[in-house]
Amino acid sequence: MKTRRRSALRWRHDFAAVWPDNSALILQNCPTDVPPSAPFSSALSTSSTSLADRIEDLLPQTQCTKCGYPACRPYAEAIAEGRAEYNQCPPGGAEGVARLAQLLGRPVIPLNPVHGSEQPRRLAVIDEQVCIGCTLCIQACPVDAIAGAAKQMHTVIDALCTGCDLCVAPCPVDCISMVEVTPGRTGWQAWSQQQADEARARHDWRTARLRRDKLENDARLAAKAAAKLKEVEAAAAGTPEEQAELARKKAIIQAAMERARQKKLQAAQDSQDSQDTPAPPTNPTDSEPA
């Protein structure tokens, strides 16, 4: 077990080489003296940013999905388009609601309890003696804050954890617990703007990486299918039964290739639509803080 703990410490140390921008944070190793809430980001004063951009700048970027959306960006877009209220973010707490209300020119309202309550910041802790190395928590973490490999003990990079809780439910052996690290401080009093910006960058990088991995995997499968189709077409079939079997295989491969082509076209169309969709019209009270 000492070897496992030494491995965890070595992962924490080596991770600084992977995330050089966060090396100073990692050396603190789970700081409990989190700086108080920071002032609004300077990006809010940029007139060229959309309303969704400015709303996203005010969210804590924990990517916890407690708001009912898969990440902070979709929630910001939903608020900007009038599809969601601005009091659905428990990590931001009452101060977060007040920030959004000021930006939107709307009254300050209580946090919606349906989405949770404002709490101190929490960190995920993995019981190293129980972890079986299933990697499910790694797949669930939205900011790549868990290090490990299949059938090897995992560990949480404390300085990168946003306390989203998303790693807890997938664990089949219940070896992950959430520990409070800012007693008496909640919401933006327990989470700084710098931490939010860094969590957002890691989430965006992870999203881009997963998208790239999927595209590369789809390309490999398409190339494999094309090679198999050529192999089937080149095969000599003698009996009627063999010819029928080759025709069946060819039809299956062609159908699979067509499905892959349609998925690729749809993904490209969705990406183009997201770029072409204009920002919703705003009035002066929506675009400037009250």
Protein backbone atom coordinates (compact mmCIF):
# COMPACT_ATOMS: atom_id res chain seq x y z
CA MET A 1 0.00 0.00 0.00
CA LYS A 2 2.95 2.34 0.62
CA THR A 3 3.89 1.83 -3.02
CA ARG A 4 0.41 2.92 -4.11
CA ARG A 5 0.63 6.07 -2.00
CA ARG A 6 4.09 6.87 -3.36
CA SER A 7 2.67 6.44 -6.88
CA ALA A 8 -0.10 8.90 -6.09
CA LEU A 9 2.37 11.48 -4.83
CA ARG A 10 4.57 10.94 -7.88
CA TRP A 11 1.54 11.49 -10.17
CA ARG A 12 0.79 14.73 -8.38
CA HIS A 13 4.38 15.86 -8.78
CA ASP A 14 4.72 14.81 -12.42
CA PHE A 15 1.41 16.43 -13.35
CA ALA A 16 3.08 19.83 -13.05
CA ALA A 17 5.03 18.99 -16.19
CA VAL A 18 1.78 18.30 -18.04
CA TRP A 19 0.05 21.44 -16.78
CA PRO A 20 2.91 23.94 -16.41
CA ASP A 21 0.48 26.84 -16.04
CA ASN A 22 -0.94 25.23 -12.89
CA SER A 23 2.34 24.01 -11.38
CA ALA A 24 2.28 26.65 -8.68
CA LEU A 25 -1.22 25.60 -7.67
CA ILE A 26 -0.31 21.93 -7.58
CA LEU A 27 2.59 22.56 -5.24
CA GLN A 28 0.13 23.98 -2.72
CA ASN A 29 -1.52 20.52 -2.64
CA CYS A 30 -5.14 21.16 -1.81
CA PRO A 31 -5.10 24.72 -0.47
CA THR A 32 -7.69 25.56 2.18
CA ASP A 33 -7.03 29.30 2.13
CA VAL A 34 -8.88 29.95 -1.13
CA PRO A 35 -8.81 33.66 -2.03
CA PRO A 36 -12.09 35.57 -1.61
CA SER A 37 -14.32 36.29 -4.56
CA ALA A 38 -12.77 38.31 -7.34
CA PRO A 39 -14.25 41.34 -9.15
CA PHE A 40 -15.98 40.93 -12.46
CA SER A 41 -13.79 39.79 -15.34
CA SER A 42 -12.51 42.57 -17.58
CA ALA A 43 -13.96 40.63 -20.52
CA LEU A 44 -17.40 41.95 -19.53
CA SER A 45 -16.51 45.41 -20.75
CA THR A 46 -15.77 44.21 -24.27
CA SER A 47 -18.67 45.32 -26.43
CA SER A 48 -17.94 42.72 -29.10
CA THR A 49 -18.74 39.78 -26.80
CA SER A 50 -22.19 38.23 -26.99
CA LEU A 51 -24.58 38.14 -24.07
CA ALA A 52 -23.95 34.40 -23.68
CA ASP A 53 -20.21 35.09 -23.51
CA ARG A 54 -20.66 37.66 -20.77
CA ILE A 55 -22.97 35.39 -18.81
CA GLU A 56 -20.49 32.53 -19.09
CA ASP A 57 -17.75 34.83 -17.76
CA LEU A 58 -19.79 35.20 -14.56
CA LEU A 59 -20.33 31.47 -13.97
CA PRO A 60 -17.95 29.58 -11.64
CA GLN A 61 -17.07 27.02 -14.35
CA THR A 62 -17.32 23.98 -12.08
CA GLN A 63 -19.12 22.17 -14.96
CA CYS A 64 -21.21 20.36 -12.33
CA THR A 65 -24.48 20.12 -14.39
CA LYS A 66 -26.55 21.01 -11.31
CA CYS A 67 -28.15 23.81 -13.33
CA GLY A 68 -29.76 21.17 -15.54
CA TYR A 69 -27.40 21.67 -18.48
CA PRO A 70 -24.36 19.56 -19.48
CA ALA A 71 -21.86 22.38 -18.85
CA CYS A 72 -21.60 26.05 -17.98
CA ARG A 73 -21.63 27.23 -21.61
CA PRO A 74 -24.99 25.63 -22.54
CA TYR A 75 -26.48 27.12 -19.37
CA ALA A 76 -25.16 30.57 -20.31
CA GLU A 77 -26.68 30.23 -23.77
CA ALA A 78 -30.00 29.14 -22.27
CA ILE A 79 -30.08 32.20 -20.01
CA ALA A 80 -29.21 34.49 -22.92
CA GLU A 81 -32.02 32.99 -25.02
CA GLY A 82 -34.58 33.15 -22.20
CA ARG A 83 -34.83 29.37 -21.83
CA ALA A 84 -33.44 29.24 -18.28
CA GLU A 85 -33.51 31.40 -15.19
CA TYR A 86 -30.36 32.96 -13.76
CA ASN A 87 -30.75 31.38 -10.30
CA GLN A 88 -29.95 27.75 -11.16
CA CYS A 89 -26.22 27.64 -10.25
CA PRO A 90 -25.57 26.40 -6.68
CA PRO A 91 -21.76 26.75 -6.91
CA GLY A 92 -22.18 30.45 -7.68
CA GLY A 93 -24.61 30.85 -4.83
CA ALA A 94 -26.35 34.09 -3.90
CA GLU A 95 -23.45 36.22 -5.11
CA GLY A 96 -23.55 34.45 -8.46
CA VAL A 97 -27.24 35.23 -8.82
CA ALA A 98 -26.55 38.87 -7.93
CA ARG A 99 -23.80 39.09 -10.54
CA LEU A 100 -26.04 37.70 -13.25
CA ALA A 101 -28.92 39.93 -12.17
CA GLN A 102 -26.70 43.00 -12.46
CA LEU A 103 -25.56 41.99 -15.94
CA LEU A 104 -29.09 41.25 -17.12
CA GLY A 105 -30.66 44.30 -15.47
CA ARG A 106 -33.06 42.12 -13.54
CA PRO A 107 -33.89 41.81 -9.82
CA VAL A 108 -31.89 39.64 -7.45
CA ILE A 109 -33.86 36.48 -6.68
CA PRO A 110 -33.14 33.53 -4.37
CA LEU A 111 -31.25 30.50 -5.59
CA ASN A 112 -33.68 27.88 -6.87
CA PRO A 113 -33.54 25.01 -4.32
CA VAL A 114 -34.55 22.53 -7.02
CA HIS A 115 -30.97 22.71 -8.31
CA GLY A 116 -29.30 22.44 -4.91
CA SER A 117 -28.08 24.70 -2.15
CA GLU A 118 -25.07 26.97 -1.73
CA GLN A 119 -22.30 25.06 0.05
CA PRO A 120 -18.62 25.33 0.95
CA ARG A 121 -16.21 24.19 -1.72
CA ARG A 122 -15.60 20.44 -1.72
CA LEU A 123 -12.87 18.24 -3.14
CA ALA A 124 -13.10 14.64 -4.29
CA VAL A 125 -10.94 12.18 -2.35
CA ILE A 126 -10.29 8.63 -3.57
CA ASP A 127 -9.75 5.85 -1.05
CA GLU A 128 -6.60 4.32 -2.48
CA GLN A 129 -7.11 1.04 -0.64
CA VAL A 130 -10.47 0.43 -2.28
CA CYS A 131 -9.92 1.85 -5.81
CA ILE A 132 -9.93 -0.88 -8.48
CA GLY A 133 -8.72 1.29 -11.37
CA CYS A 134 -11.90 1.11 -13.45
CA THR A 135 -11.31 4.61 -14.98
CA LEU A 136 -15.02 5.50 -14.76
CA CYS A 137 -14.25 8.51 -12.57
CA ILE A 138 -11.62 9.69 -15.05
CA GLN A 139 -14.19 9.54 -17.83
CA ALA A 140 -16.73 11.44 -15.71
CA CYS A 141 -14.44 14.28 -14.62
CA PRO A 142 -15.18 17.34 -16.79
CA VAL A 143 -11.86 19.06 -16.12
CA ASP A 144 -9.33 16.17 -16.23
CA ALA A 145 -8.62 16.45 -12.50
CA ILE A 146 -8.13 12.69 -11.95
CA ALA A 147 -4.92 10.87 -12.85
CA GLY A 148 -4.64 7.12 -13.30
CA ALA A 149 -4.81 4.23 -15.73
CA ALA A 150 -6.84 1.08 -16.23
CA LYS A 151 -6.38 -1.37 -13.33
CA GLN A 152 -4.11 1.14 -11.58
CA MET A 153 -4.95 3.22 -8.55
CA HIS A 154 -6.39 6.67 -9.37
CA THR A 155 -5.80 9.92 -7.54
CA VAL A 156 -7.39 13.37 -7.63
CA ILE A 157 -5.23 16.37 -8.54
CA ASP A 158 -6.47 18.55 -5.69
CA ALA A 159 -5.64 21.90 -7.27
CA LEU A 160 -7.65 21.00 -10.40
CA CYS A 161 -10.78 19.57 -8.76
CA THR A 162 -13.86 21.80 -9.03
CA GLY A 163 -15.94 19.77 -6.56
CA CYS A 164 -18.55 18.93 -9.18
CA ASP A 165 -19.40 15.50 -7.62
CA LEU A 166 -19.69 13.90 -11.07
CA CYS A 167 -17.06 11.26 -10.28
CA VAL A 168 -18.92 9.92 -7.24
CA ALA A 169 -21.92 8.19 -8.82
CA PRO A 170 -20.05 6.17 -11.51
CA CYS A 171 -17.67 4.58 -8.98
CA PRO A 172 -18.70 0.91 -8.64
CA VAL A 173 -16.97 0.45 -5.28
CA ASP A 174 -17.97 3.75 -3.61
CA CYS A 175 -14.39 4.76 -2.94
CA ILE A 176 -14.84 8.49 -3.65
CA SER A 177 -15.96 10.96 -1.01
CA MET A 178 -16.42 14.72 -1.11
CA VAL A 179 -14.60 16.68 1.61
CA GLU A 180 -15.27 20.32 2.52
CA VAL A 181 -12.17 22.51 2.29
CA THR A 182 -13.60 26.00 2.83
CA PRO A 183 -15.65 25.77 6.04
CA GLY A 184 -17.69 28.91 6.58
CA ARG A 185 -17.14 30.14 3.00
CA THR A 186 -19.55 29.30 0.21
CA GLY A 187 -20.20 30.25 -3.39
CA TRP A 188 -17.83 32.86 -4.80
CA GLN A 189 -16.36 33.37 -1.32
CA ALA A 190 -14.88 29.86 -1.66
CA TRP A 191 -13.87 30.02 -5.33
CA SER A 192 -11.80 32.64 -7.14
CA GLN A 193 -12.10 34.05 -10.64
CA GLN A 194 -8.66 32.65 -11.47
CA GLN A 195 -9.77 29.15 -10.49
CA ALA A 196 -12.90 29.55 -12.60
CA ASP A 197 -10.91 30.68 -15.63
CA GLU A 198 -8.48 27.76 -15.32
CA ALA A 199 -11.30 25.23 -14.89
CA ARG A 200 -13.00 26.63 -17.97
CA ALA A 201 -9.80 26.30 -20.01
CA ARG A 202 -9.32 22.69 -18.92
CA HIS A 203 -12.93 21.83 -19.72
CA ASP A 204 -12.67 23.40 -23.17
CA TRP A 205 -9.41 21.56 -23.85
CA ARG A 206 -10.94 18.25 -22.74
CA THR A 207 -13.98 18.81 -24.95
CA ALA A 208 -11.77 19.54 -27.95
CA ARG A 209 -9.63 16.48 -27.22
CA LEU A 210 -12.63 14.15 -26.99
CA ARG A 211 -14.03 15.57 -30.22
CA ARG A 212 -10.70 15.07 -31.96
CA ASP A 213 -10.39 11.51 -30.64
CA LYS A 214 -13.87 10.68 -31.93
CA LEU A 215 -13.12 12.09 -35.38
CA GLU A 216 -9.87 10.15 -35.57
CA ASN A 217 -11.59 6.94 -34.46
CA ASP A 218 -14.37 7.44 -37.02
CA ALA A 219 -11.74 7.97 -39.72
CA ARG A 220 -9.95 4.77 -38.74
CA LEU A 221 -13.19 2.80 -38.83
CA ALA A 222 -14.10 4.27 -42.22
CA ALA A 223 -10.69 3.35 -43.64
CA LYS A 224 -11.01 -0.15 -42.22
CA ALA A 225 -14.46 -0.55 -43.77
CA ALA A 226 -13.22 0.69 -47.13
CA ALA A 227 -10.35 -1.79 -47.07
CA LYS A 228 -12.71 -4.60 -46.15
CA LEU A 229 -15.04 -3.63 -48.99
CA LYS A 230 -12.17 -3.81 -51.49
CA GLU A 231 -11.24 -7.20 -50.08
CA VAL A 232 -14.79 -8.48 -50.51
CA GLU A 233 -15.07 -7.08 -54.03
CA ALA A 234 -11.77 -8.72 -55.01
CA ALA A 235 -12.72 -12.09 -53.60
CA ALA A 236 -13.65 -14.74 -56.15
CA ALA A 237 -16.91 -16.52 -55.44
CA GLY A 238 -17.60 -19.78 -57.17
CA THR A 239 -20.89 -21.25 -56.00
CA PRO A 240 -24.18 -19.33 -55.84
CA GLU A 241 -24.05 -19.62 -52.05
CA GLU A 242 -20.61 -18.01 -51.91
CA GLN A 243 -21.74 -15.24 -54.23
CA ALA A 244 -24.77 -14.59 -52.05
CA GLU A 245 -22.58 -14.44 -48.93
CA LEU A 246 -20.21 -11.97 -50.57
CA ALA A 247 -23.14 -9.83 -51.67
CA ARG A 248 -24.49 -9.86 -48.11
CA LYS A 249 -21.15 -8.79 -46.65
CA LYS A 250 -20.78 -6.07 -49.26
CA ALA A 251 -24.24 -4.70 -48.46
CA ILE A 252 -23.47 -4.62 -44.73
CA ILE A 253 -20.18 -2.78 -45.26
CA GLN A 254 -21.71 -0.29 -47.67
CA ALA A 255 -24.56 0.41 -45.25
CA ALA A 256 -22.08 1.02 -42.43
CA MET A 257 -20.02 3.36 -44.60
CA GLU A 258 -23.14 5.29 -45.57
CA ARG A 259 -24.17 5.69 -41.93
CA ALA A 260 -20.69 7.00 -41.11
CA ARG A 261 -20.87 9.43 -44.04
CA GLN A 262 -24.26 10.73 -42.93
CA LYS A 263 -23.03 11.18 -39.35
CA LYS A 264 -20.04 13.13 -40.60
CA LEU A 265 -22.24 15.37 -42.75
CA GLN A 266 -24.63 15.93 -39.85
CA ALA A 267 -21.77 16.85 -37.50
CA ALA A 268 -20.44 19.32 -40.04
CA GLN A 269 -23.91 20.82 -40.52
CA ASP A 270 -24.46 21.15 -36.75
CA SER A 271 -21.10 22.89 -36.40
CA GLN A 272 -21.96 25.29 -39.23
CA ASP A 273 -25.40 26.00 -37.78
CA SER A 274 -23.90 26.85 -34.39
CA GLN A 275 -21.55 29.32 -36.08
CA ASP A 276 -24.25 30.88 -38.25
CA THR A 277 -26.87 31.26 -35.52
CA PRO A 278 -27.08 34.97 -34.67
CA ALA A 279 -27.05 36.11 -31.08
CA PRO A 280 -30.52 36.87 -29.68
CA PRO A 281 -31.47 40.56 -29.80
CA THR A 282 -30.78 42.43 -26.59
CA ASN A 283 -32.04 45.69 -25.17
CA PRO A 284 -29.88 48.19 -23.29
CA THR A 285 -30.77 46.67 -19.92
CA ASP A 286 -29.62 43.26 -21.13
CA SER A 287 -26.28 44.41 -22.48
CA GLU A 288 -25.09 46.69 -19.68
CA PRO A 289 -24.94 46.19 -15.93
CA ALA A 290 -27.61 48.06 -14.04
